[in-house]
Protein backbone atom coordinates (compact mmCIF):
# COMPACT_ATOMS: atom_id res chain seq x y z
CA MET A 1 -16.36 3.22 18.82
CA ILE A 2 -17.13 3.16 15.16
CA ASP A 3 -18.80 6.20 13.61
CA VAL A 4 -20.35 5.90 10.20
CA ARG A 5 -21.00 9.09 8.05
CA PRO A 6 -21.65 10.13 4.62
CA PHE A 7 -18.40 10.90 2.71
CA ASP A 8 -18.35 14.89 2.47
CA SER A 9 -18.47 15.76 -1.26
CA PHE A 10 -19.54 18.31 -3.84
CA VAL A 11 -21.34 15.60 -5.77
CA ASN A 12 -24.34 13.54 -4.48
CA SER A 13 -22.77 10.06 -3.54
CA PRO A 14 -25.08 8.41 -1.04
CA ALA A 15 -23.18 5.08 -1.37
CA ALA A 16 -19.86 6.64 -0.38
CA LEU A 17 -19.39 6.58 3.45
CA THR A 18 -16.57 6.99 6.08
CA TYR A 19 -15.99 4.69 9.13
CA THR A 20 -14.08 6.12 12.07
CA ILE A 21 -12.63 3.60 14.40
CA ARG A 22 -11.79 5.48 17.58
CA GLY A 23 -9.57 4.30 20.53
CA ALA A 24 -8.73 6.39 23.71
CA HIS A 25 -5.75 8.00 21.93
CA SER A 26 -5.76 7.12 18.28
CA ALA A 27 -8.34 6.73 15.51
CA ILE A 28 -8.33 5.65 12.09
CA LYS A 29 -10.72 6.93 9.31
CA LEU A 30 -11.71 4.68 6.41
CA SER A 31 -14.10 4.59 3.32
CA ASN A 32 -16.12 1.82 1.80
CA PHE A 33 -14.80 3.66 -1.50
CA GLY A 34 -11.89 1.50 -2.37
CA ALA A 35 -11.49 0.11 1.11
CA THR A 36 -9.38 3.20 1.53
CA ILE A 37 -7.37 4.53 4.56
CA LEU A 38 -8.33 8.13 4.82
CA ASP A 39 -6.60 9.43 8.10
CA ILE A 40 -4.74 7.91 10.99
CA SER A 41 -4.25 10.05 13.88
CA VAL A 42 -1.88 9.18 16.57
CA PRO A 43 0.06 11.17 19.44
CA ASP A 44 3.55 12.17 19.67
CA VAL A 45 5.92 11.95 22.63
CA TYR A 46 4.17 14.94 24.18
CA GLY A 47 0.48 13.46 23.34
CA THR A 48 -0.04 16.11 20.54
CA GLN A 49 -2.26 14.42 17.86
CA ALA A 50 -1.64 14.36 14.12
CA ASP A 51 -2.96 12.80 11.04
CA VAL A 52 -0.05 10.98 9.71
CA VAL A 53 -1.57 9.87 6.38
CA LEU A 54 -1.69 11.68 2.91
CA GLY A 55 -4.97 12.24 1.38
CA TYR A 56 -7.94 14.24 0.26
CA GLY A 57 -10.85 15.72 2.43
CA LEU A 58 -13.62 15.27 -0.10
CA PHE A 59 -15.05 12.04 -1.94
CA ASP A 60 -14.80 13.77 -5.30
CA LEU A 61 -11.21 13.90 -5.34
CA TYR A 62 -10.60 10.06 -4.60
CA LEU A 63 -12.60 9.57 -7.86
CA ASP A 64 -9.27 10.79 -9.63
CA ASN A 65 -6.58 10.04 -7.06
CA PRO A 66 -3.62 9.45 -9.40
CA ALA A 67 -1.20 8.81 -6.55
CA CYS A 68 -3.63 6.10 -5.15
CA PHE A 69 -3.55 7.83 -1.60
CA GLY A 70 -4.70 5.12 1.06
CA ALA A 71 -6.16 2.75 -1.49
CA SER A 72 -6.77 -0.98 -1.59
CA ILE A 73 -4.84 -2.15 -4.70
CA GLY A 74 -5.55 -5.28 -6.54
CA PRO A 75 -5.94 -8.10 -7.72
CA SER A 76 -2.35 -7.52 -9.24
CA ALA A 77 -0.35 -4.71 -7.38
CA ASN A 78 2.49 -3.15 -8.92
CA ARG A 79 3.79 -3.50 -12.48
CA ALA A 80 3.52 -6.43 -15.01
CA ASP A 81 5.27 -6.74 -18.01
CA LYS A 82 3.45 -6.55 -21.27
CA ALA A 83 0.35 -6.48 -19.03
CA GLU A 84 0.51 -10.32 -18.89
CA ILE A 85 0.08 -12.80 -16.05
CA PRO A 86 1.04 -16.47 -17.06
CA LEU A 87 -0.91 -18.80 -15.11
CA ASN A 88 -1.15 -22.66 -15.59
CA GLY A 89 -0.01 -22.38 -19.20
CA VAL A 90 -2.51 -19.56 -20.19
CA VAL A 91 -1.51 -16.03 -20.64
CA TYR A 92 -3.99 -13.67 -19.05
CA HIS A 93 -4.15 -10.26 -20.20
CA LEU A 94 -4.60 -7.12 -17.78
CA PRO A 95 -5.37 -3.43 -19.18
CA LYS A 96 -2.36 -1.73 -20.72
CA ASN A 97 -1.85 1.28 -18.67
CA ASN A 98 1.89 2.16 -18.00
CA GLY A 99 5.33 2.41 -19.60
CA PRO A 100 6.21 3.20 -23.24
CA ASN A 101 3.16 3.21 -25.23
CA ASN A 102 1.26 1.82 -22.40
CA GLN A 103 2.41 -1.65 -23.19
CA ASN A 104 2.75 -2.49 -19.36
CA ASN A 105 0.21 -2.62 -16.49
CA LEU A 106 0.16 -0.81 -13.12
CA HIS A 107 -2.13 -1.62 -10.13
CA THR A 108 -4.41 -3.64 -12.39
CA ASP A 109 -6.90 -0.77 -13.37
CA LEU A 110 -5.99 2.76 -12.57
CA VAL A 111 -9.31 4.01 -13.96
CA ASP A 112 -11.87 1.61 -12.62
CA GLY A 113 -9.94 -0.62 -10.11
CA ILE A 114 -11.33 -1.87 -7.01
CA HIS A 115 -9.88 1.21 -5.30
CA LYS A 116 -12.43 3.15 -7.23
CA ARG A 117 -15.56 0.94 -6.42
CA ILE A 118 -17.97 0.75 -3.44
CA TRP A 119 -17.30 -2.16 -1.13
CA GLN A 120 -19.83 -3.75 1.19
CA ALA A 121 -18.99 -3.04 4.80
CA GLU A 122 -19.38 -4.90 8.01
CA ILE A 123 -18.97 -3.37 11.44
CA ASP A 124 -17.81 -5.26 14.56
CA GLU A 125 -17.97 -2.71 17.21
CA SER A 126 -16.88 -5.36 19.88
CA HIS A 127 -13.42 -5.84 18.15
CA ASN A 128 -13.07 -2.25 16.69
CA THR A 129 -13.32 -3.86 13.25
CA VAL A 130 -14.59 -2.94 9.75
CA THR A 131 -14.59 -5.48 7.07
CA PHE A 132 -14.92 -4.32 3.51
CA SER A 133 -15.71 -6.76 0.76
CA ILE A 134 -16.01 -6.88 -3.10
CA ASP A 135 -16.93 -9.45 -5.61
CA LEU A 136 -15.31 -9.90 -8.90
CA ILE A 137 -16.63 -12.24 -11.60
CA ASP A 138 -14.84 -14.66 -13.89
CA GLY A 139 -12.50 -12.63 -16.21
CA GLU A 140 -12.92 -9.29 -14.43
CA TYR A 141 -9.86 -7.20 -14.91
CA GLY A 142 -8.55 -9.88 -17.40
CA LEU A 143 -8.08 -12.70 -14.43
CA PRO A 144 -10.05 -16.09 -13.94
CA GLY A 145 -12.37 -17.12 -11.25
CA ASN A 146 -15.31 -15.71 -9.23
CA ARG A 147 -13.58 -13.97 -6.46
CA HIS A 148 -14.57 -12.65 -3.30
CA ILE A 149 -12.04 -10.11 -1.78
CA THR A 150 -12.08 -8.75 1.93
CA ALA A 151 -10.02 -5.97 3.70
CA THR A 152 -10.49 -6.10 7.47
CA TYR A 153 -9.08 -3.21 9.40
CA GLU A 154 -8.82 -3.38 13.17
CA LEU A 155 -7.53 -0.77 15.84
CA VAL A 156 -5.98 -2.09 19.04
CA GLU A 157 -4.39 0.16 21.63
CA GLU A 158 -2.04 -1.09 24.39
CA SER A 159 -0.59 1.65 26.66
CA ALA A 160 1.44 4.24 24.37
CA GLN A 161 1.06 1.89 21.19
CA SER A 162 -1.74 2.03 18.70
CA THR A 163 -1.75 -0.74 16.17
CA VAL A 164 -3.82 -1.04 12.70
CA ASN A 165 -4.22 -4.68 11.85
CA LEU A 166 -5.07 -5.02 7.97
CA THR A 167 -5.73 -8.38 6.53
CA TYR A 168 -6.57 -9.11 2.85
CA ALA A 169 -8.20 -12.29 1.78
CA CYS A 170 -9.62 -13.84 -1.29
CA THR A 171 -11.57 -17.03 -2.11
CA THR A 172 -12.16 -18.20 -5.67
CA ASP A 173 -13.77 -20.88 -7.59
CA ALA A 174 -10.69 -21.27 -9.88
CA ALA A 175 -7.14 -20.83 -9.67
CA THR A 176 -6.16 -17.09 -10.00
CA PHE A 177 -3.46 -14.53 -9.34
CA VAL A 178 -3.92 -12.35 -6.35
CA ASN A 179 -1.28 -9.89 -5.16
CA MET A 180 -3.02 -7.35 -2.77
CA THR A 181 -1.49 -4.19 -1.23
CA ASN A 182 -2.35 -0.78 0.45
CA HIS A 183 -0.79 2.34 -1.03
CA VAL A 184 -0.99 4.55 2.08
CA TYR A 185 1.45 7.12 2.48
CA PHE A 186 2.77 8.25 5.72
CA ASN A 187 4.35 11.39 7.12
CA LEU A 188 4.97 10.92 10.78
CA ASN A 189 5.34 14.48 11.59
CA GLY A 190 1.82 15.02 10.24
CA HIS A 191 0.49 14.70 6.74
CA ASP A 192 0.80 18.55 6.17
CA SER A 193 4.26 19.16 7.78
CA GLY A 194 6.57 19.12 4.48
CA ASP A 195 8.80 16.35 3.42
CA VAL A 196 9.93 13.04 5.06
CA CYS A 197 13.62 13.37 3.94
CA GLY A 198 14.49 13.40 7.67
CA HIS A 199 12.62 10.33 8.70
CA GLN A 200 14.96 7.55 9.75
CA LEU A 201 14.11 4.16 8.32
CA THR A 202 15.61 0.80 8.76
CA ILE A 203 14.29 -1.92 6.64
CA GLN A 204 14.77 -5.72 7.24
CA ALA A 205 16.34 -6.59 3.74
CA GLU A 206 19.45 -7.85 2.63
CA SER A 207 18.41 -7.32 -1.03
CA TYR A 208 16.18 -5.44 -3.51
CA LEU A 209 14.85 -5.88 -6.94
CA PRO A 210 16.45 -3.28 -9.56
CA LEU A 211 14.10 -1.90 -12.32
CA ARG A 212 14.25 -1.67 -16.06
CA GLU A 213 14.19 1.65 -17.84
CA ASP A 214 10.34 1.26 -17.96
CA SER A 215 10.36 0.86 -14.03
CA VAL A 216 9.31 -3.05 -14.61
CA SER A 217 11.32 -5.32 -12.45
CA ALA A 218 14.51 -6.33 -14.11
CA GLY A 219 14.04 -9.86 -13.01
CA ILE A 220 17.23 -10.00 -10.83
CA VAL A 221 17.89 -9.63 -7.19
CA ASN A 222 20.85 -7.61 -5.88
CA SER A 223 22.35 -7.06 -2.65
CA VAL A 224 21.67 -3.76 -0.80
CA ALA A 225 25.51 -3.63 0.46
CA GLY A 226 27.28 -0.64 -0.96
CA THR A 227 24.22 0.95 -2.47
CA PRO A 228 21.81 3.77 -1.54
CA PHE A 229 19.21 1.04 -0.94
CA ASP A 230 21.20 -0.24 2.28
CA PHE A 231 18.67 0.69 5.18
CA ARG A 232 19.76 -2.35 7.38
CA THR A 233 20.79 0.43 9.92
CA PRO A 234 18.87 3.43 10.46
CA LYS A 235 19.43 5.98 7.86
CA ALA A 236 17.42 9.18 6.72
CA ILE A 237 15.20 8.59 3.76
CA GLY A 238 16.96 11.80 2.21
CA LYS A 239 20.55 11.01 2.92
CA ASP A 240 21.23 9.05 -0.71
CA LEU A 241 18.61 10.69 -2.80
CA GLY A 242 20.89 13.00 -4.46
CA VAL A 243 23.79 10.38 -5.14
CA GLU A 244 24.58 9.52 -8.62
CA ASN A 245 22.73 6.11 -9.10
CA GLU A 246 21.21 4.53 -12.30
CA GLN A 247 18.31 2.88 -10.23
CA LEU A 248 17.48 6.36 -8.41
CA LYS A 249 17.70 8.08 -11.57
CA ILE A 250 15.07 5.68 -13.39
CA ALA A 251 12.64 6.17 -10.61
CA HIS A 252 13.49 9.71 -9.45
CA GLY A 253 13.98 8.29 -6.04
CA TYR A 254 13.14 5.25 -4.19
CA ASP A 255 10.43 3.17 -5.97
CA HIS A 256 11.83 -0.39 -5.74
CA CYS A 257 10.80 -3.58 -3.84
CA PHE A 258 12.99 -4.93 -1.01
CA VAL A 259 13.14 -8.65 -0.28
CA ILE A 260 12.14 -8.80 3.44
CA ASN A 261 14.23 -11.20 5.31
CA ASN A 262 13.01 -14.61 6.68
CA TYR A 263 9.97 -15.14 4.43
CA LYS A 264 7.70 -17.83 5.60
CA ASN A 265 4.30 -18.46 4.02
CA GLY A 266 1.70 -16.92 6.31
CA GLN A 267 4.00 -16.01 8.99
CA LEU A 268 4.38 -12.09 10.26
CA ARG A 269 7.77 -10.68 10.61
CA PRO A 270 9.17 -7.02 11.04
CA ALA A 271 9.98 -5.14 7.68
CA LEU A 272 10.25 -1.55 8.45
CA LEU A 273 11.06 0.84 11.26
CA ALA A 274 10.43 4.52 10.71
CA THR A 275 11.21 7.53 12.98
CA SER A 276 10.35 10.90 12.61
CA GLU A 277 12.01 14.09 13.85
CA GLY A 278 8.90 14.84 15.79
CA GLY A 279 9.00 11.71 18.02
CA ARG A 280 6.56 9.49 16.44
CA SER A 281 7.71 5.92 15.16
CA LEU A 282 5.93 3.25 13.03
CA GLU A 283 6.84 -0.31 12.79
CA ILE A 284 5.43 -2.35 9.77
CA GLN A 285 5.16 -6.07 9.83
CA ILE A 286 4.08 -8.13 6.81
CA THR A 287 3.43 -11.72 5.63
CA ALA A 288 4.47 -11.19 2.17
CA PRO A 289 7.88 -11.89 0.58
CA GLY A 290 8.55 -8.15 -0.30
CA ALA A 291 7.60 -4.72 0.37
CA HIS A 292 7.80 -1.62 -2.03
CA LEU A 293 9.58 1.64 -0.73
CA TYR A 294 7.87 4.68 -2.53
CA THR A 295 9.28 8.15 -1.63
CA GLY A 296 6.46 10.15 -3.36
CA ASN A 297 8.82 11.12 -6.12
CA TRP A 298 5.98 12.44 -8.34
CA LEU A 299 3.74 13.98 -5.77
CA ASP A 300 2.39 17.42 -6.99
CA GLU A 301 -1.17 17.81 -5.14
CA ALA A 302 -2.52 21.26 -4.37
CA ARG A 303 -5.91 20.11 -3.21
CA ALA A 304 -5.08 17.79 -0.24
CA LYS A 305 -7.09 17.80 3.02
CA ASP A 306 -6.77 20.76 5.67
CA GLY A 307 -5.60 22.93 2.66
CA ALA A 308 -2.15 21.11 2.31
CA ILE A 309 0.05 20.90 -0.70
CA TYR A 310 1.92 17.82 -1.41
CA LYS A 311 5.28 18.01 -3.21
CA PRO A 312 7.89 15.23 -3.98
CA GLN A 313 8.86 13.33 -0.78
CA ALA A 314 5.91 14.61 1.14
CA GLY A 315 5.30 11.09 2.29
CA PHE A 316 6.58 7.39 1.87
CA ALA A 317 4.53 4.27 0.93
CA PHE A 318 5.64 0.72 2.02
CA GLU A 319 3.52 -1.53 0.13
CA SER A 320 3.51 -4.93 1.15
CA GLU A 321 3.69 -7.37 -1.97
CA PHE A 322 4.83 -10.27 -3.80
CA TYR A 323 7.58 -9.27 -5.99
CA PRO A 324 6.60 -7.15 -9.07
CA ASP A 325 6.28 -9.15 -12.11
CA CYS A 326 6.62 -12.22 -10.27
CA ALA A 327 4.25 -14.09 -12.60
CA HIS A 328 7.09 -14.01 -15.30
CA HIS A 329 9.72 -15.25 -12.71
CA ALA A 330 8.87 -18.89 -11.69
CA GLU A 331 11.63 -19.13 -9.37
CA TRP A 332 10.09 -16.42 -7.02
CA PRO A 333 7.19 -16.81 -4.83
CA GLN A 334 3.87 -16.79 -6.29
CA PRO A 335 0.36 -15.43 -4.99
CA ILE A 336 -1.70 -18.19 -6.63
CA CYS A 337 -5.19 -18.39 -4.98
CA THR A 338 -7.15 -21.53 -5.71
CA PRO A 339 -10.26 -23.09 -4.02
CA GLU A 340 -8.42 -25.20 -1.83
CA HIS A 341 -5.83 -22.65 -0.96
CA PRO A 342 -7.17 -19.21 -0.47
CA TYR A 343 -5.22 -16.06 -0.41
CA ASN A 344 -4.39 -14.17 2.84
CA SER A 345 -2.00 -11.20 3.61
CA GLN A 346 -1.53 -9.54 6.89
CA ILE A 347 0.09 -6.11 7.24
CA VAL A 348 0.51 -4.53 10.98
CA TYR A 349 1.13 -0.78 11.21
CA ARG A 350 2.30 -0.07 14.98
CA PHE A 351 2.53 3.45 16.10
CA PHE A 352 4.47 4.32 19.43
């Protein structure tokens, strides 16, 4: 069942709606504002339901949303050096909004990006699916091509497992750069239950991408072995947060892309397994080359839903993506979308 309602707000915004896909023992609540994940409610081992996604309770607060709670980010996710995207011999310019003197770009446009626009919505009750879509004209956000971007959410329940399938797709009439992600934050004990430092993570990655001082990718790939970035076997998020490490110091915690093993274009594979102290587990599978672990290092939100207050490490994000600033590193996989080769990226969130 899919329930459509106006998005609760102080201001009059009749275009902002919520879409709740309900199953027998789980539910996901979405909005056409930014194709955003608002809530995901799943049971623990005792059957007790909890919303495990950080966010707000009112539409008005998503108009700001500096942490990008649950947001669909694109067409250029993460950071781009000098806010530039080189493509086919031409340098395209994104908004300058991050880093020293705002010389770099973060998440395309933090003020008027696609995560702060109303998308069209199409409901498929028979498949428990909502598809959001938005059109970008040639040159919009500094990138070429008339583009049609979609985000499709599907809820599937099997026995004690609940799976949210998310597919981002883009078609274009000219070669362009598309690197989409979702910025949902998880706290598997419940969004209002404190920090996630006790969550055990396993990340399917032998290497990660270090940062420069301005948090842009340093352009190198390092082994995780012998570093705080080694999550190849289960490890608590908080175990190494306090160790002396230049990379952790730069980011005030984890804010790094991991090179997920066995990348093959278009094929799903396991990327992360998270287990909470309260008995909920989350497996994330992706098709993209990498995924960015962010441990909410700068969270400071006193206006969260249900009266919650979010502090640093109140949740973690694991953002499926092509490597940050990959446009400046031709040796890395490139998310080039053309009329002949549309963009497609899949993310699977499986709760059990």
